[in-house]
Amino acid sequence: MALIQLSYISIAAYEMSDADLDQIVASATRRNAENGITGMLLYADGRFMQLLEGEDAVVEATFARVSLDPRHHDVVVTERAAIEARSFSNWSMGFKRIAATDMRTLTATPPPAAQTGGTTAPRLADAILQELTRAAH
């Protein structure tokens, strides 16, 4: 089965409280575990960035459902790429609240260069992993 990563950015419909974010993450974690989806959700200053990974059709179906969620709007896909392995295999849905400046840096990540066979890891996943590593130190 072909694996893909799909990432998007969106704008929250309202300022998310910790309880709102906890509910989103709990629901996403449960549904993603049921569907074999892994990924990461970032939130900063009223903006979301999410990266989903898994089987192509399942990721696309998940994204279609998520994009209709009224808690956000202006959903824009930033990357969609075939991958050989998951970057977030340990998380049905990891979550981190980040600084607005870090969100701007991540959303400014250029699209991936031409990929050999379409199976190299997208740059956004690498950038998110670097940010998580930097923030942990």
C-alpha atoms as a PDB file:
ATOM      1  CA  MET A   1       0.000   0.000   0.000  1.00  0.00           C
ATOM      2  CA  ALA A   2       1.320   3.449  -0.927  1.00  0.00           C
ATOM      3  CA  LEU A   3       2.042   5.785   1.974  1.00  0.00           C
ATOM      4  CA  ILE A   4       1.678   9.543   1.713  1.00  0.00           C
ATOM      5  CA  GLN A   5       2.141  12.601   3.873  1.00  0.00           C
ATOM      6  CA  LEU A   6      -0.310  15.443   3.497  1.00  0.00           C
ATOM      7  CA  SER A   7       0.061  18.711   5.348  1.00  0.00           C
ATOM      8  CA  TYR A   8      -2.155  21.748   5.496  1.00  0.00           C
ATOM      9  CA  ILE A   9      -2.532  25.059   7.243  1.00  0.00           C
ATOM     10  CA  SER A  10      -5.770  26.699   8.323  1.00  0.00           C
ATOM     11  CA  ILE A  11      -7.173  29.511  10.426  1.00  0.00           C
ATOM     12  CA  ALA A  12      -9.121  28.771  13.602  1.00  0.00           C
ATOM     13  CA  ALA A  13     -12.719  29.985  13.566  1.00  0.00           C
ATOM     14  CA  TYR A  14     -12.176  31.348  17.097  1.00  0.00           C
ATOM     15  CA  GLU A  15      -9.391  31.446  19.672  1.00  0.00           C
ATOM     16  CA  MET A  16      -8.952  27.883  20.880  1.00  0.00           C
ATOM     17  CA  SER A  17      -8.884  27.270  24.613  1.00  0.00           C
ATOM     18  CA  ASP A  18      -6.816  24.481  26.109  1.00  0.00           C
ATOM     19  CA  ALA A  19     -10.059  22.503  26.523  1.00  0.00           C
ATOM     20  CA  ASP A  20     -10.927  23.011  22.825  1.00  0.00           C
ATOM     21  CA  LEU A  21      -7.480  21.823  21.774  1.00  0.00           C
ATOM     22  CA  ASP A  22      -7.589  18.849  24.155  1.00  0.00           C
ATOM     23  CA  GLN A  23     -10.926  17.783  22.637  1.00  0.00           C
ATOM     24  CA  ILE A  24      -9.592  18.088  19.069  1.00  0.00           C
ATOM     25  CA  VAL A  25      -6.480  16.069  19.899  1.00  0.00           C
ATOM     26  CA  ALA A  26      -8.425  13.368  21.798  1.00  0.00           C
ATOM     27  CA  SER A  27     -10.885  12.935  18.925  1.00  0.00           C
ATOM     28  CA  ALA A  28      -8.126  12.936  16.284  1.00  0.00           C
ATOM     29  CA  THR A  29      -6.021  10.462  18.263  1.00  0.00           C
ATOM     30  CA  ARG A  30      -8.930   8.028  18.549  1.00  0.00           C
ATOM     31  CA  ARG A  31     -10.032   8.289  14.912  1.00  0.00           C
ATOM     32  CA  ASN A  32      -6.503   8.210  13.551  1.00  0.00           C
ATOM     33  CA  ALA A  33      -5.628   5.095  15.566  1.00  0.00           C
ATOM     34  CA  GLU A  34      -8.742   3.386  14.156  1.00  0.00           C
ATOM     35  CA  ASN A  35      -7.715   4.321  10.593  1.00  0.00           C
ATOM     36  CA  GLY A  36      -3.940   3.793  10.697  1.00  0.00           C
ATOM     37  CA  ILE A  37      -3.195   7.512  10.427  1.00  0.00           C
ATOM     38  CA  THR A  38      -0.237   9.110  12.187  1.00  0.00           C
ATOM     39  CA  GLY A  39       0.811  12.721  12.313  1.00  0.00           C
ATOM     40  CA  MET A  40       1.283  15.977  14.126  1.00  0.00           C
ATOM     41  CA  LEU A  41      -0.920  18.993  14.869  1.00  0.00           C
ATOM     42  CA  LEU A  42       0.591  22.374  15.649  1.00  0.00           C
ATOM     43  CA  TYR A  43      -1.332  25.412  16.902  1.00  0.00           C
ATOM     44  CA  ALA A  44      -0.142  28.995  17.202  1.00  0.00           C
ATOM     45  CA  ASP A  45      -1.915  32.311  17.418  1.00  0.00           C
ATOM     46  CA  GLY A  46      -5.190  31.143  15.865  1.00  0.00           C
ATOM     47  CA  ARG A  47      -3.579  29.011  13.166  1.00  0.00           C
ATOM     48  CA  PHE A  48      -3.341  25.270  12.687  1.00  0.00           C
ATOM     49  CA  MET A  49      -0.778  23.240  10.835  1.00  0.00           C
ATOM     50  CA  GLN A  50      -1.370  19.523  10.562  1.00  0.00           C
ATOM     51  CA  LEU A  51       0.583  16.754   8.927  1.00  0.00           C
ATOM     52  CA  LEU A  52      -1.191  13.456   8.245  1.00  0.00           C
ATOM     53  CA  GLU A  53       0.505  10.269   7.069  1.00  0.00           C
ATOM     54  CA  GLY A  54      -0.752   6.843   6.134  1.00  0.00           C
ATOM     55  CA  GLU A  55      -2.235   4.958   3.219  1.00  0.00           C
ATOM     56  CA  ASP A  56      -3.108   7.296   0.360  1.00  0.00           C
ATOM     57  CA  ALA A  57      -6.880   6.734   0.258  1.00  0.00           C
ATOM     58  CA  VAL A  58      -7.235   6.840   4.057  1.00  0.00           C
ATOM     59  CA  VAL A  59      -5.243  10.076   4.363  1.00  0.00           C
ATOM     60  CA  GLU A  60      -7.301  11.687   1.593  1.00  0.00           C
ATOM     61  CA  ALA A  61     -10.570  10.605   3.257  1.00  0.00           C
ATOM     62  CA  THR A  62      -9.372  11.897   6.629  1.00  0.00           C
ATOM     63  CA  PHE A  63      -8.334  15.210   5.111  1.00  0.00           C
ATOM     64  CA  ALA A  64     -11.685  15.552   3.317  1.00  0.00           C
ATOM     65  CA  ARG A  65     -13.506  15.089   6.643  1.00  0.00           C
ATOM     66  CA  VAL A  66     -11.157  17.376   8.596  1.00  0.00           C
ATOM     67  CA  SER A  67     -11.323  20.139   5.991  1.00  0.00           C
ATOM     68  CA  LEU A  68     -15.100  20.400   6.565  1.00  0.00           C
ATOM     69  CA  ASP A  69     -14.713  20.927  10.338  1.00  0.00           C
ATOM     70  CA  PRO A  70     -16.332  24.297  11.217  1.00  0.00           C
ATOM     71  CA  ARG A  71     -13.677  25.019  13.858  1.00  0.00           C
ATOM     72  CA  HIS A  72     -11.349  26.221  11.096  1.00  0.00           C
ATOM     73  CA  HIS A  73     -11.440  27.766   7.633  1.00  0.00           C
ATOM     74  CA  ASP A  74      -9.149  28.760   4.759  1.00  0.00           C
ATOM     75  CA  VAL A  75      -7.702  25.249   4.647  1.00  0.00           C
ATOM     76  CA  VAL A  76      -4.722  25.121   2.261  1.00  0.00           C
ATOM     77  CA  VAL A  77      -2.751  21.982   1.417  1.00  0.00           C
ATOM     78  CA  THR A  78       0.950  22.802   1.681  1.00  0.00           C
ATOM     79  CA  GLU A  79       2.412  19.412   0.761  1.00  0.00           C
ATOM     80  CA  ARG A  80       1.258  16.063  -0.541  1.00  0.00           C
ATOM     81  CA  ALA A  81       3.960  13.488  -1.230  1.00  0.00           C
ATOM     82  CA  ALA A  82       4.602   9.766  -1.409  1.00  0.00           C
ATOM     83  CA  ILE A  83       6.844   8.516   1.399  1.00  0.00           C
ATOM     84  CA  GLU A  84       8.745   5.319   2.140  1.00  0.00           C
ATOM     85  CA  ALA A  85       8.326   5.541   5.922  1.00  0.00           C
ATOM     86  CA  ARG A  86       6.365   7.566   8.428  1.00  0.00           C
ATOM     87  CA  SER A  87       8.007  10.473  10.238  1.00  0.00           C
ATOM     88  CA  PHE A  88       5.522  10.402  13.139  1.00  0.00           C
ATOM     89  CA  SER A  89       4.991   6.659  13.537  1.00  0.00           C
ATOM     90  CA  ASN A  90       4.735   6.896  17.333  1.00  0.00           C
ATOM     91  CA  TRP A  91       1.845   9.374  17.342  1.00  0.00           C
ATOM     92  CA  SER A  92      -1.735   8.792  16.203  1.00  0.00           C
ATOM     93  CA  MET A  93      -1.810  12.560  16.635  1.00  0.00           C
ATOM     94  CA  GLY A  94       1.019  14.411  18.280  1.00  0.00           C
ATOM     95  CA  PHE A  95       0.253  17.943  19.399  1.00  0.00           C
ATOM     96  CA  LYS A  96       2.257  21.013  20.271  1.00  0.00           C
ATOM     97  CA  ARG A  97       1.337  24.625  20.839  1.00  0.00           C
ATOM     98  CA  ILE A  98       4.138  26.674  19.290  1.00  0.00           C
ATOM     99  CA  ALA A  99       5.089  30.334  19.086  1.00  0.00           C
ATOM    100  CA  ALA A 100       3.622  32.368  16.234  1.00  0.00           C
ATOM    101  CA  THR A 101       7.136  33.080  14.934  1.00  0.00           C
ATOM    102  CA  ASP A 102       7.834  29.329  14.734  1.00  0.00           C
ATOM    103  CA  MET A 103       4.576  28.805  12.822  1.00  0.00           C
ATOM    104  CA  ARG A 104       5.582  31.498  10.337  1.00  0.00           C
ATOM    105  CA  THR A 105       8.970  29.822   9.887  1.00  0.00           C
ATOM    106  CA  LEU A 106       7.369  26.427   9.287  1.00  0.00           C
ATOM    107  CA  THR A 107       4.790  27.759   6.840  1.00  0.00           C
ATOM    108  CA  ALA A 108       7.576  29.518   4.931  1.00  0.00           C
ATOM    109  CA  THR A 109       9.310  26.157   4.352  1.00  0.00           C
ATOM    110  CA  PRO A 110       9.710  25.843   0.589  1.00  0.00           C
ATOM    111  CA  PRO A 111       7.985  22.968  -1.178  1.00  0.00           C
ATOM    112  CA  PRO A 112      10.065  19.820  -1.571  1.00  0.00           C
ATOM    113  CA  ALA A 113      12.591  19.721  -4.370  1.00  0.00           C
ATOM    114  CA  ALA A 114      12.089  17.276  -7.202  1.00  0.00           C
ATOM    115  CA  GLN A 115      11.882  13.891  -5.540  1.00  0.00           C
ATOM    116  CA  THR A 116      13.639  10.786  -6.758  1.00  0.00           C
ATOM    117  CA  GLY A 117      10.802   8.388  -7.442  1.00  0.00           C
ATOM    118  CA  GLY A 118       8.473  10.489  -5.289  1.00  0.00           C
ATOM    119  CA  THR A 119       9.568   8.749  -2.094  1.00  0.00           C
ATOM    120  CA  THR A 120      11.809  11.175  -0.213  1.00  0.00           C
ATOM    121  CA  ALA A 121      10.504  12.706   2.997  1.00  0.00           C
ATOM    122  CA  PRO A 122       8.794  16.062   2.491  1.00  0.00           C
ATOM    123  CA  ARG A 123      10.698  19.013   3.876  1.00  0.00           C
ATOM    124  CA  LEU A 124       7.854  20.124   6.127  1.00  0.00           C
ATOM    125  CA  ALA A 125       8.013  16.883   8.127  1.00  0.00           C
ATOM    126  CA  ASP A 126      11.748  17.417   8.547  1.00  0.00           C
ATOM    127  CA  ALA A 127      11.190  21.031   9.627  1.00  0.00           C
ATOM    128  CA  ILE A 128       8.551  20.009  12.188  1.00  0.00           C
ATOM    129  CA  LEU A 129      10.825  17.311  13.594  1.00  0.00           C
ATOM    130  CA  GLN A 130      13.670  19.819  13.860  1.00  0.00           C
ATOM    131  CA  GLU A 131      11.386  22.294  15.650  1.00  0.00           C
ATOM    132  CA  LEU A 132      10.233  19.621  18.100  1.00  0.00           C
ATOM    133  CA  THR A 133      13.834  18.595  18.764  1.00  0.00           C
ATOM    134  CA  ARG A 134      14.923  22.217  19.245  1.00  0.00           C
ATOM    135  CA  ALA A 135      11.994  22.937  21.562  1.00  0.00           C
ATOM    136  CA  ALA A 136      12.812  19.869  23.675  1.00  0.00           C
ATOM    137  CA  HIS A 137      16.288  21.188  24.558  1.00  0.00           C
END
